[in-house]
Amino acid sequence: MARIVWSRVARDDLKAIVSYIRTDSPAYAKSFALRLRSRVIQLEGFPDSGRLVPEDPTHTYRELIFGNYRIVYRHDGGTVTVLTIIHGARILQW
């Protein structure tokens, strides 16, 4: 099983997204955060289950699609590092 590590950027991204959702619906914001974290936890058993990030020329990074968001991560040995969470309409800059 892979160990999940959240980067500071990814933690800050999640906080910002949840804060934005909370302005309209505190209950949905909490549900969103729990479901997103649950989705990431699935990577413990299936670390390569995400697709390769299309913008990554090195094919090093993977992503999970969660609603309108992209959860970008790297699987290296026994560790999955969640790097960022961005809106699906955004293009990653390398």
N, C-alpha and C. Protein backbone atom coordinates (compact mmCIF):
# COMPACT_ATOMS: atom_id res chain seq x y z
N MET A 1 0.84 -1.19 0.00
CA MET A 1 0.00 0.00 0.00
C MET A 1 0.88 1.25 0.00
N ALA A 2 0.50 2.19 -0.81
CA ALA A 2 1.24 3.44 -0.90
C ALA A 2 0.85 4.37 0.25
N ARG A 3 1.78 5.18 0.65
CA ARG A 3 1.54 6.19 1.68
C ARG A 3 1.15 7.48 0.98
N ILE A 4 0.11 8.16 1.48
CA ILE A 4 -0.36 9.41 0.88
C ILE A 4 0.25 10.59 1.63
N VAL A 5 0.84 11.51 0.88
CA VAL A 5 1.40 12.75 1.44
C VAL A 5 0.78 13.91 0.68
N TRP A 6 0.29 14.90 1.41
CA TRP A 6 -0.28 16.10 0.80
C TRP A 6 0.75 17.22 0.84
N SER A 7 1.05 17.82 -0.30
CA SER A 7 1.94 18.98 -0.32
C SER A 7 1.21 20.17 0.30
N ARG A 8 1.97 21.16 0.71
CA ARG A 8 1.37 22.37 1.26
C ARG A 8 0.45 23.03 0.22
N VAL A 9 0.89 23.04 -1.02
CA VAL A 9 0.09 23.64 -2.10
C VAL A 9 -1.25 22.93 -2.21
N ALA A 10 -1.24 21.59 -2.21
CA ALA A 10 -2.49 20.83 -2.33
C ALA A 10 -3.41 21.09 -1.14
N ARG A 11 -2.84 21.14 0.06
CA ARG A 11 -3.66 21.44 1.25
C ARG A 11 -4.28 22.83 1.13
N ASP A 12 -3.48 23.79 0.70
CA ASP A 12 -3.99 25.16 0.53
C ASP A 12 -5.05 25.23 -0.57
N ASP A 13 -4.84 24.48 -1.65
CA ASP A 13 -5.84 24.43 -2.73
C ASP A 13 -7.17 23.91 -2.20
N LEU A 14 -7.12 22.81 -1.45
CA LEU A 14 -8.35 22.22 -0.92
C LEU A 14 -9.04 23.20 0.03
N LYS A 15 -8.29 23.85 0.89
CA LYS A 15 -8.88 24.83 1.81
C LYS A 15 -9.56 25.95 1.05
N ALA A 16 -8.93 26.44 0.00
CA ALA A 16 -9.50 27.54 -0.78
C ALA A 16 -10.77 27.11 -1.49
N ILE A 17 -10.78 25.92 -2.05
CA ILE A 17 -11.96 25.42 -2.75
C ILE A 17 -13.11 25.24 -1.77
N VAL A 18 -12.83 24.62 -0.63
CA VAL A 18 -13.87 24.39 0.38
C VAL A 18 -14.39 25.72 0.92
N SER A 19 -13.51 26.67 1.13
CA SER A 19 -13.92 27.99 1.61
C SER A 19 -14.85 28.67 0.61
N TYR A 20 -14.54 28.56 -0.66
CA TYR A 20 -15.38 29.14 -1.71
C TYR A 20 -16.76 28.48 -1.73
N ILE A 21 -16.79 27.16 -1.67
CA ILE A 21 -18.06 26.43 -1.68
C ILE A 21 -18.88 26.77 -0.43
N ARG A 22 -18.20 26.92 0.70
CA ARG A 22 -18.87 27.19 1.97
C ARG A 22 -19.69 28.47 1.95
N THR A 23 -19.31 29.44 1.11
CA THR A 23 -20.07 30.70 1.07
C THR A 23 -21.50 30.46 0.60
N ASP A 24 -21.71 29.44 -0.22
CA ASP A 24 -23.06 29.10 -0.69
C ASP A 24 -23.70 27.98 0.11
N SER A 25 -22.90 27.01 0.52
CA SER A 25 -23.47 25.83 1.18
C SER A 25 -22.44 25.16 2.10
N PRO A 26 -22.48 25.49 3.39
CA PRO A 26 -21.55 24.85 4.33
C PRO A 26 -21.65 23.32 4.33
N ALA A 27 -22.86 22.81 4.21
CA ALA A 27 -23.04 21.35 4.22
C ALA A 27 -22.38 20.71 2.99
N TYR A 28 -22.57 21.32 1.84
CA TYR A 28 -21.97 20.77 0.62
C TYR A 28 -20.45 20.89 0.67
N ALA A 29 -19.95 21.97 1.25
CA ALA A 29 -18.50 22.15 1.35
C ALA A 29 -17.88 21.01 2.16
N LYS A 30 -18.51 20.67 3.27
CA LYS A 30 -18.00 19.58 4.11
C LYS A 30 -18.07 18.25 3.36
N SER A 31 -19.20 18.00 2.69
CA SER A 31 -19.37 16.78 1.92
C SER A 31 -18.33 16.68 0.80
N PHE A 32 -18.10 17.79 0.12
CA PHE A 32 -17.12 17.84 -0.97
C PHE A 32 -15.74 17.45 -0.46
N ALA A 33 -15.33 18.05 0.66
CA ALA A 33 -14.00 17.77 1.22
C ALA A 33 -13.87 16.30 1.61
N LEU A 34 -14.89 15.75 2.23
CA LEU A 34 -14.84 14.34 2.64
C LEU A 34 -14.77 13.41 1.44
N ARG A 35 -15.56 13.69 0.41
CA ARG A 35 -15.56 12.85 -0.79
C ARG A 35 -14.23 12.95 -1.54
N LEU A 36 -13.67 14.16 -1.62
CA LEU A 36 -12.39 14.32 -2.30
C LEU A 36 -11.29 13.57 -1.56
N ARG A 37 -11.26 13.71 -0.24
CA ARG A 37 -10.24 13.00 0.53
C ARG A 37 -10.40 11.49 0.39
N SER A 38 -11.65 11.04 0.38
CA SER A 38 -11.92 9.61 0.20
C SER A 38 -11.39 9.12 -1.15
N ARG A 39 -11.57 9.93 -2.16
CA ARG A 39 -11.08 9.57 -3.50
C ARG A 39 -9.55 9.45 -3.50
N VAL A 40 -8.89 10.38 -2.82
CA VAL A 40 -7.42 10.35 -2.74
C VAL A 40 -6.95 9.13 -1.96
N ILE A 41 -7.66 8.78 -0.90
CA ILE A 41 -7.28 7.61 -0.09
C ILE A 41 -7.28 6.34 -0.92
N GLN A 42 -8.12 6.27 -1.95
CA GLN A 42 -8.14 5.09 -2.82
C GLN A 42 -6.80 4.87 -3.51
N LEU A 43 -6.00 5.92 -3.61
CA LEU A 43 -4.68 5.79 -4.23
C LEU A 43 -3.74 4.93 -3.40
N GLU A 44 -4.04 4.75 -2.12
CA GLU A 44 -3.20 3.87 -1.30
C GLU A 44 -3.10 2.48 -1.92
N GLY A 45 -4.22 1.97 -2.38
CA GLY A 45 -4.23 0.64 -2.96
C GLY A 45 -4.01 0.60 -4.46
N PHE A 46 -4.29 1.73 -5.12
CA PHE A 46 -4.20 1.79 -6.58
C PHE A 46 -3.49 3.08 -7.01
N PRO A 47 -2.22 3.21 -6.70
CA PRO A 47 -1.52 4.49 -6.93
C PRO A 47 -1.39 4.90 -8.39
N ASP A 48 -1.49 3.98 -9.31
CA ASP A 48 -1.36 4.33 -10.72
C ASP A 48 -2.72 4.38 -11.42
N SER A 49 -3.79 4.49 -10.64
CA SER A 49 -5.13 4.46 -11.23
C SER A 49 -5.50 5.75 -11.95
N GLY A 50 -4.84 6.84 -11.63
CA GLY A 50 -5.12 8.10 -12.33
C GLY A 50 -4.50 8.11 -13.71
N ARG A 51 -5.04 8.95 -14.56
CA ARG A 51 -4.48 9.06 -15.92
C ARG A 51 -3.22 9.92 -15.89
N LEU A 52 -2.39 9.77 -16.91
CA LEU A 52 -1.22 10.63 -17.04
C LEU A 52 -1.70 12.05 -17.34
N VAL A 53 -1.03 13.04 -16.77
CA VAL A 53 -1.39 14.44 -17.00
C VAL A 53 -1.02 14.79 -18.44
N PRO A 54 -2.00 15.21 -19.25
CA PRO A 54 -1.73 15.47 -20.67
C PRO A 54 -0.66 16.53 -20.92
N GLU A 55 -0.56 17.52 -20.05
CA GLU A 55 0.41 18.61 -20.27
C GLU A 55 1.83 18.24 -19.86
N ASP A 56 2.01 17.09 -19.22
CA ASP A 56 3.31 16.69 -18.70
C ASP A 56 4.11 15.93 -19.76
N PRO A 57 5.14 16.56 -20.32
CA PRO A 57 5.92 15.88 -21.36
C PRO A 57 6.77 14.73 -20.83
N THR A 58 7.00 14.69 -19.52
CA THR A 58 7.84 13.64 -18.94
C THR A 58 7.04 12.39 -18.55
N HIS A 59 5.73 12.49 -18.56
CA HIS A 59 4.85 11.39 -18.14
C HIS A 59 5.16 10.93 -16.73
N THR A 60 5.47 11.88 -15.86
CA THR A 60 5.80 11.61 -14.47
C THR A 60 4.60 11.78 -13.55
N TYR A 61 3.67 12.63 -13.93
CA TYR A 61 2.57 13.01 -13.05
C TYR A 61 1.26 12.39 -13.52
N ARG A 62 0.41 12.11 -12.56
CA ARG A 62 -0.91 11.55 -12.83
C ARG A 62 -1.96 12.46 -12.22
N GLU A 63 -3.21 12.22 -12.61
CA GLU A 63 -4.29 13.01 -12.05
C GLU A 63 -5.55 12.19 -11.93
N LEU A 64 -6.32 12.54 -10.91
CA LEU A 64 -7.67 12.03 -10.75
C LEU A 64 -8.61 13.16 -11.12
N ILE A 65 -9.67 12.83 -11.81
CA ILE A 65 -10.70 13.82 -12.10
C ILE A 65 -11.77 13.65 -11.03
N PHE A 66 -12.09 14.73 -10.34
CA PHE A 66 -13.08 14.71 -9.28
C PHE A 66 -14.03 15.87 -9.51
N GLY A 67 -15.19 15.59 -10.06
CA GLY A 67 -16.12 16.66 -10.41
C GLY A 67 -15.46 17.58 -11.43
N ASN A 68 -15.41 18.86 -11.10
CA ASN A 68 -14.78 19.85 -11.98
C ASN A 68 -13.30 20.06 -11.69
N TYR A 69 -12.72 19.22 -10.86
CA TYR A 69 -11.35 19.44 -10.40
C TYR A 69 -10.41 18.32 -10.83
N ARG A 70 -9.15 18.70 -10.94
CA ARG A 70 -8.07 17.77 -11.25
C ARG A 70 -7.18 17.66 -10.02
N ILE A 71 -7.02 16.47 -9.52
CA ILE A 71 -6.14 16.21 -8.38
C ILE A 71 -4.84 15.66 -8.96
N VAL A 72 -3.81 16.46 -8.96
CA VAL A 72 -2.54 16.10 -9.60
C VAL A 72 -1.61 15.51 -8.54
N TYR A 73 -1.02 14.36 -8.87
CA TYR A 73 -0.14 13.69 -7.92
C TYR A 73 1.01 12.99 -8.62
N ARG A 74 1.97 12.58 -7.80
CA ARG A 74 3.13 11.82 -8.29
C ARG A 74 3.24 10.54 -7.46
N HIS A 75 3.44 9.42 -8.11
CA HIS A 75 3.66 8.15 -7.43
C HIS A 75 5.13 7.81 -7.58
N ASP A 76 5.82 7.74 -6.46
CA ASP A 76 7.26 7.48 -6.46
C ASP A 76 7.55 6.43 -5.40
N GLY A 77 7.86 5.23 -5.83
CA GLY A 77 8.11 4.16 -4.88
C GLY A 77 6.85 3.84 -4.10
N GLY A 78 6.92 3.92 -2.80
CA GLY A 78 5.77 3.63 -1.95
C GLY A 78 5.01 4.86 -1.51
N THR A 79 5.25 5.99 -2.16
CA THR A 79 4.61 7.24 -1.74
C THR A 79 3.85 7.88 -2.89
N VAL A 80 2.64 8.34 -2.57
CA VAL A 80 1.85 9.16 -3.49
C VAL A 80 1.83 10.56 -2.90
N THR A 81 2.34 11.53 -3.64
CA THR A 81 2.34 12.92 -3.19
C THR A 81 1.31 13.69 -3.98
N VAL A 82 0.30 14.20 -3.27
CA VAL A 82 -0.72 15.04 -3.90
C VAL A 82 -0.10 16.42 -4.04
N LEU A 83 0.02 16.90 -5.28
CA LEU A 83 0.75 18.13 -5.56
C LEU A 83 -0.13 19.36 -5.63
N THR A 84 -1.28 19.25 -6.28
CA THR A 84 -2.16 20.40 -6.43
C THR A 84 -3.56 19.92 -6.78
N ILE A 85 -4.53 20.78 -6.55
CA ILE A 85 -5.91 20.54 -6.98
C ILE A 85 -6.32 21.79 -7.75
N ILE A 86 -6.63 21.61 -9.02
CA ILE A 86 -6.98 22.77 -9.84
C ILE A 86 -8.31 22.53 -10.55
N HIS A 87 -8.93 23.61 -10.94
CA HIS A 87 -10.17 23.50 -11.70
C HIS A 87 -9.86 22.87 -13.06
N GLY A 88 -10.76 22.03 -13.53
CA GLY A 88 -10.55 21.30 -14.77
C GLY A 88 -10.37 22.17 -16.00
N ALA A 89 -10.86 23.41 -15.94
CA ALA A 89 -10.72 24.31 -17.09
C ALA A 89 -9.32 24.90 -17.20
N ARG A 90 -8.55 24.80 -16.12
CA ARG A 90 -7.19 25.36 -16.15
C ARG A 90 -6.22 24.39 -16.80
N ILE A 91 -5.21 24.95 -17.42
CA ILE A 91 -4.13 24.17 -18.02
C ILE A 91 -2.91 24.31 -17.12
N LEU A 92 -2.30 23.19 -16.78
CA LEU A 92 -1.10 23.22 -15.95
C LEU A 92 0.06 23.82 -16.73
N GLN A 93 0.83 24.64 -16.07
CA GLN A 93 2.04 25.22 -16.66
C GLN A 93 3.24 24.49 -16.09
N TRP A 94 4.10 23.95 -16.93
CA TRP A 94 5.27 23.20 -16.47
C TRP A 94 6.51 24.02 -16.57
